[in-house]
Amino acid sequence: MALTHWGFIYTAAGSGTGGDVSVVDTGKCRTVLVGVEKPEEAIEVARRLVGEGVQLIELCGGFGPVWAGRVIEAIDGVVPVGTVGYGPESVDQVHAIFS
């Protein structure tokens, strides 16, 4: 099976309630990008994405393993959920951005 529809949830200050949605559709693959103000908003967004038929969900690195686990639990593991990770060479820079 080919990947034809997936979602990416990221945190962004100022995002609207329910998430700011952007869609990239190449005709062969539809990518739904959703910005949320707070990590807890990802729960409802993930449920909505699953309802819309996404095949997988990826979370930005700002979520971490705890929120990834909560999202997986909220959607009953129906689709794979992955997270963006940063290697040790980036830890100080990422910390500076989010602190």
N, C-alpha and C. Protein backbone atom coordinates (compact mmCIF):
# COMPACT_ATOMS: atom_id res chain seq x y z
N MET A 1 0.84 -1.18 0.00
CA MET A 1 0.00 0.00 0.00
C MET A 1 0.89 1.25 0.00
N ALA A 2 0.58 2.21 -0.81
CA ALA A 2 1.34 3.45 -0.90
C ALA A 2 0.77 4.48 0.08
N LEU A 3 1.64 5.35 0.54
CA LEU A 3 1.20 6.46 1.39
C LEU A 3 0.54 7.51 0.51
N THR A 4 -0.74 7.76 0.76
CA THR A 4 -1.48 8.73 -0.04
C THR A 4 -2.12 9.83 0.79
N HIS A 5 -2.10 9.68 2.13
CA HIS A 5 -2.76 10.68 2.99
C HIS A 5 -2.17 10.58 4.39
N TRP A 6 -1.53 11.66 4.84
CA TRP A 6 -0.94 11.63 6.18
C TRP A 6 -1.04 13.01 6.81
N GLY A 7 -0.84 13.05 8.13
CA GLY A 7 -0.94 14.30 8.86
C GLY A 7 0.30 14.59 9.68
N PHE A 8 0.61 15.88 9.79
CA PHE A 8 1.73 16.34 10.61
C PHE A 8 1.19 17.40 11.56
N ILE A 9 1.35 17.17 12.86
CA ILE A 9 0.88 18.11 13.88
C ILE A 9 2.09 18.77 14.51
N TYR A 10 2.06 20.10 14.56
CA TYR A 10 3.18 20.86 15.13
C TYR A 10 2.65 21.91 16.09
N THR A 11 3.50 22.37 16.99
CA THR A 11 3.12 23.43 17.91
C THR A 11 3.59 24.77 17.33
N ALA A 12 2.71 25.76 17.43
CA ALA A 12 3.04 27.10 16.95
C ALA A 12 2.23 28.12 17.74
N ALA A 13 2.93 29.02 18.41
CA ALA A 13 2.25 30.07 19.17
C ALA A 13 1.31 30.83 18.25
N GLY A 14 0.12 31.12 18.75
CA GLY A 14 -0.86 31.87 17.98
C GLY A 14 -1.76 31.04 17.10
N SER A 15 -1.59 29.72 17.11
CA SER A 15 -2.46 28.86 16.30
C SER A 15 -3.89 28.97 16.81
N GLY A 16 -4.84 28.88 15.91
CA GLY A 16 -6.24 28.99 16.27
C GLY A 16 -6.76 27.76 16.97
N THR A 17 -7.87 27.92 17.67
CA THR A 17 -8.52 26.81 18.33
C THR A 17 -8.90 25.76 17.29
N GLY A 18 -8.58 24.52 17.60
CA GLY A 18 -8.84 23.44 16.65
C GLY A 18 -7.71 23.25 15.65
N GLY A 19 -6.74 24.15 15.66
CA GLY A 19 -5.57 24.03 14.80
C GLY A 19 -5.68 24.83 13.52
N ASP A 20 -4.55 25.36 13.11
CA ASP A 20 -4.45 26.04 11.82
C ASP A 20 -4.06 24.98 10.79
N VAL A 21 -4.87 24.80 9.79
CA VAL A 21 -4.70 23.71 8.83
C VAL A 21 -4.19 24.22 7.49
N SER A 22 -3.17 23.54 6.98
CA SER A 22 -2.67 23.75 5.62
C SER A 22 -2.63 22.38 4.96
N VAL A 23 -2.93 22.35 3.67
CA VAL A 23 -2.94 21.08 2.95
C VAL A 23 -2.04 21.20 1.74
N VAL A 24 -1.21 20.18 1.57
CA VAL A 24 -0.39 20.05 0.36
C VAL A 24 -0.88 18.79 -0.34
N ASP A 25 -1.36 18.94 -1.56
CA ASP A 25 -1.90 17.80 -2.30
C ASP A 25 -1.18 17.72 -3.65
N THR A 26 -0.39 16.68 -3.82
CA THR A 26 0.36 16.51 -5.07
C THR A 26 -0.43 15.79 -6.14
N GLY A 27 -1.63 15.37 -5.79
CA GLY A 27 -2.41 14.55 -6.70
C GLY A 27 -2.21 13.07 -6.44
N LYS A 28 -1.09 12.74 -5.80
CA LYS A 28 -0.80 11.35 -5.43
C LYS A 28 -0.69 11.18 -3.93
N CYS A 29 -0.43 12.28 -3.23
CA CYS A 29 -0.31 12.24 -1.77
C CYS A 29 -0.83 13.54 -1.18
N ARG A 30 -1.71 13.41 -0.19
CA ARG A 30 -2.28 14.56 0.50
C ARG A 30 -1.66 14.65 1.88
N THR A 31 -1.03 15.79 2.18
CA THR A 31 -0.41 16.03 3.47
C THR A 31 -1.19 17.13 4.18
N VAL A 32 -1.65 16.84 5.39
CA VAL A 32 -2.41 17.81 6.18
C VAL A 32 -1.52 18.26 7.33
N LEU A 33 -1.16 19.54 7.33
CA LEU A 33 -0.32 20.13 8.37
C LEU A 33 -1.22 20.90 9.32
N VAL A 34 -1.11 20.61 10.61
CA VAL A 34 -1.98 21.26 11.59
C VAL A 34 -1.14 21.84 12.71
N GLY A 35 -1.22 23.16 12.88
CA GLY A 35 -0.53 23.84 13.97
C GLY A 35 -1.46 24.00 15.15
N VAL A 36 -0.96 23.67 16.34
CA VAL A 36 -1.74 23.82 17.57
C VAL A 36 -0.97 24.70 18.55
N GLU A 37 -1.70 25.40 19.38
CA GLU A 37 -1.10 26.28 20.39
C GLU A 37 -0.45 25.46 21.52
N LYS A 38 -1.17 24.43 21.98
CA LYS A 38 -0.72 23.63 23.12
C LYS A 38 -0.73 22.15 22.75
N PRO A 39 0.20 21.37 23.29
CA PRO A 39 0.27 19.94 22.96
C PRO A 39 -1.04 19.19 23.19
N GLU A 40 -1.78 19.54 24.24
CA GLU A 40 -3.02 18.81 24.52
C GLU A 40 -4.06 18.93 23.40
N GLU A 41 -3.95 19.97 22.58
CA GLU A 41 -4.86 20.14 21.45
C GLU A 41 -4.62 19.08 20.36
N ALA A 42 -3.46 18.44 20.39
CA ALA A 42 -3.14 17.42 19.39
C ALA A 42 -4.05 16.20 19.51
N ILE A 43 -4.59 15.97 20.68
CA ILE A 43 -5.46 14.80 20.89
C ILE A 43 -6.68 14.88 19.95
N GLU A 44 -7.39 15.99 20.00
CA GLU A 44 -8.59 16.13 19.17
C GLU A 44 -8.22 16.23 17.70
N VAL A 45 -7.11 16.90 17.40
CA VAL A 45 -6.66 17.00 16.01
C VAL A 45 -6.35 15.62 15.46
N ALA A 46 -5.66 14.79 16.23
CA ALA A 46 -5.33 13.43 15.77
C ALA A 46 -6.60 12.62 15.52
N ARG A 47 -7.57 12.73 16.41
CA ARG A 47 -8.83 12.03 16.19
C ARG A 47 -9.50 12.49 14.90
N ARG A 48 -9.47 13.78 14.67
CA ARG A 48 -10.08 14.33 13.45
C ARG A 48 -9.35 13.82 12.21
N LEU A 49 -8.01 13.82 12.26
CA LEU A 49 -7.22 13.34 11.13
C LEU A 49 -7.53 11.88 10.82
N VAL A 50 -7.64 11.06 11.86
CA VAL A 50 -7.98 9.65 11.66
C VAL A 50 -9.35 9.55 11.00
N GLY A 51 -10.29 10.35 11.47
CA GLY A 51 -11.63 10.35 10.88
C GLY A 51 -11.64 10.76 9.42
N GLU A 52 -10.64 11.57 9.03
CA GLU A 52 -10.51 12.03 7.65
C GLU A 52 -9.75 11.02 6.78
N GLY A 53 -9.26 9.95 7.40
CA GLY A 53 -8.64 8.88 6.64
C GLY A 53 -7.13 8.91 6.50
N VAL A 54 -6.42 9.65 7.38
CA VAL A 54 -4.96 9.63 7.27
C VAL A 54 -4.43 8.23 7.56
N GLN A 55 -3.31 7.91 6.93
CA GLN A 55 -2.69 6.60 7.11
C GLN A 55 -1.64 6.61 8.21
N LEU A 56 -1.14 7.78 8.53
CA LEU A 56 -0.18 7.92 9.63
C LEU A 56 -0.17 9.37 10.09
N ILE A 57 0.33 9.56 11.31
CA ILE A 57 0.45 10.89 11.91
C ILE A 57 1.88 11.05 12.40
N GLU A 58 2.43 12.20 12.11
CA GLU A 58 3.76 12.54 12.62
C GLU A 58 3.62 13.78 13.49
N LEU A 59 4.34 13.78 14.61
CA LEU A 59 4.33 14.90 15.55
C LEU A 59 5.66 15.61 15.51
N CYS A 60 5.64 16.93 15.61
CA CYS A 60 6.90 17.67 15.63
C CYS A 60 7.67 17.35 16.91
N GLY A 61 8.93 17.67 16.92
CA GLY A 61 9.80 17.36 18.04
C GLY A 61 9.41 18.03 19.34
N GLY A 62 8.58 19.06 19.28
CA GLY A 62 8.14 19.75 20.49
C GLY A 62 7.20 18.91 21.36
N PHE A 63 6.70 17.80 20.85
CA PHE A 63 5.76 16.98 21.61
C PHE A 63 6.46 16.02 22.56
N GLY A 64 7.46 15.33 22.11
CA GLY A 64 8.16 14.37 22.96
C GLY A 64 7.38 13.09 23.15
N PRO A 65 7.99 12.12 23.84
CA PRO A 65 7.40 10.78 23.96
C PRO A 65 6.12 10.73 24.78
N VAL A 66 5.97 11.58 25.77
CA VAL A 66 4.76 11.54 26.60
C VAL A 66 3.54 11.90 25.77
N TRP A 67 3.63 12.98 25.01
CA TRP A 67 2.49 13.39 24.19
C TRP A 67 2.28 12.43 23.03
N ALA A 68 3.33 11.86 22.50
CA ALA A 68 3.17 10.85 21.45
C ALA A 68 2.35 9.69 22.00
N GLY A 69 2.67 9.25 23.20
CA GLY A 69 1.93 8.16 23.83
C GLY A 69 0.47 8.52 24.04
N ARG A 70 0.21 9.74 24.44
CA ARG A 70 -1.18 10.17 24.65
C ARG A 70 -1.96 10.20 23.35
N VAL A 71 -1.30 10.63 22.28
CA VAL A 71 -1.96 10.65 20.97
C VAL A 71 -2.25 9.22 20.52
N ILE A 72 -1.28 8.34 20.65
CA ILE A 72 -1.48 6.94 20.27
C ILE A 72 -2.66 6.34 21.04
N GLU A 73 -2.71 6.61 22.33
CA GLU A 73 -3.80 6.10 23.16
C GLU A 73 -5.14 6.70 22.73
N ALA A 74 -5.15 7.99 22.43
CA ALA A 74 -6.39 8.67 22.06
C ALA A 74 -7.00 8.14 20.77
N ILE A 75 -6.15 7.68 19.86
CA ILE A 75 -6.66 7.15 18.58
C ILE A 75 -6.67 5.62 18.57
N ASP A 76 -6.45 5.04 19.74
CA ASP A 76 -6.45 3.58 19.89
C ASP A 76 -5.45 2.89 18.96
N GLY A 77 -4.37 3.57 18.62
CA GLY A 77 -3.33 2.97 17.79
C GLY A 77 -3.79 2.57 16.40
N VAL A 78 -4.85 3.21 15.91
CA VAL A 78 -5.42 2.85 14.62
C VAL A 78 -4.44 3.09 13.47
N VAL A 79 -3.64 4.15 13.57
CA VAL A 79 -2.61 4.43 12.56
C VAL A 79 -1.29 4.65 13.28
N PRO A 80 -0.16 4.46 12.60
CA PRO A 80 1.13 4.71 13.23
C PRO A 80 1.29 6.19 13.59
N VAL A 81 1.94 6.43 14.72
CA VAL A 81 2.26 7.79 15.15
C VAL A 81 3.76 7.86 15.36
N GLY A 82 4.40 8.80 14.67
CA GLY A 82 5.84 8.98 14.80
C GLY A 82 6.15 10.36 15.32
N THR A 83 7.38 10.54 15.75
CA THR A 83 7.82 11.84 16.24
C THR A 83 9.12 12.24 15.57
N VAL A 84 9.27 13.52 15.40
CA VAL A 84 10.53 14.06 14.90
C VAL A 84 11.50 14.06 16.06
N GLY A 85 12.72 13.65 15.83
CA GLY A 85 13.72 13.65 16.88
C GLY A 85 14.94 14.46 16.49
N TYR A 86 15.64 14.95 17.48
CA TYR A 86 16.85 15.73 17.25
C TYR A 86 18.02 14.99 17.89
N GLY A 87 19.10 14.89 17.16
CA GLY A 87 20.28 14.23 17.68
C GLY A 87 21.01 15.09 18.70
N PRO A 88 21.99 14.50 19.38
CA PRO A 88 22.71 15.21 20.43
C PRO A 88 23.40 16.48 19.92
N GLU A 89 23.74 16.51 18.64
CA GLU A 89 24.39 17.71 18.10
C GLU A 89 23.45 18.91 18.05
N SER A 90 22.15 18.68 18.18
CA SER A 90 21.16 19.77 18.09
C SER A 90 20.51 20.13 19.41
N VAL A 91 20.78 19.38 20.47
CA VAL A 91 20.07 19.54 21.72
C VAL A 91 20.19 20.97 22.28
N ASP A 92 21.36 21.52 22.31
CA ASP A 92 21.54 22.87 22.87
C ASP A 92 20.77 23.91 22.05
N GLN A 93 20.80 23.79 20.75
CA GLN A 93 20.09 24.75 19.89
C GLN A 93 18.57 24.64 20.06
N VAL A 94 18.07 23.43 20.12
CA VAL A 94 16.63 23.23 20.30
C VAL A 94 16.21 23.75 21.67
N HIS A 95 17.00 23.48 22.69
CA HIS A 95 16.71 23.96 24.03
C HIS A 95 16.63 25.49 24.04
N ALA A 96 17.53 26.15 23.35
CA ALA A 96 17.54 27.62 23.29
C ALA A 96 16.26 28.15 22.64
N ILE A 97 15.77 27.46 21.63
CA ILE A 97 14.55 27.90 20.93
C ILE A 97 13.33 27.78 21.84
N PHE A 98 13.23 26.69 22.59
CA PHE A 98 12.02 26.43 23.38
C PHE A 98 12.11 26.86 24.83
N SER A 99 13.20 27.47 25.24
CA SER A 99 13.28 27.88 26.65
C SER A 99 13.08 29.36 26.82
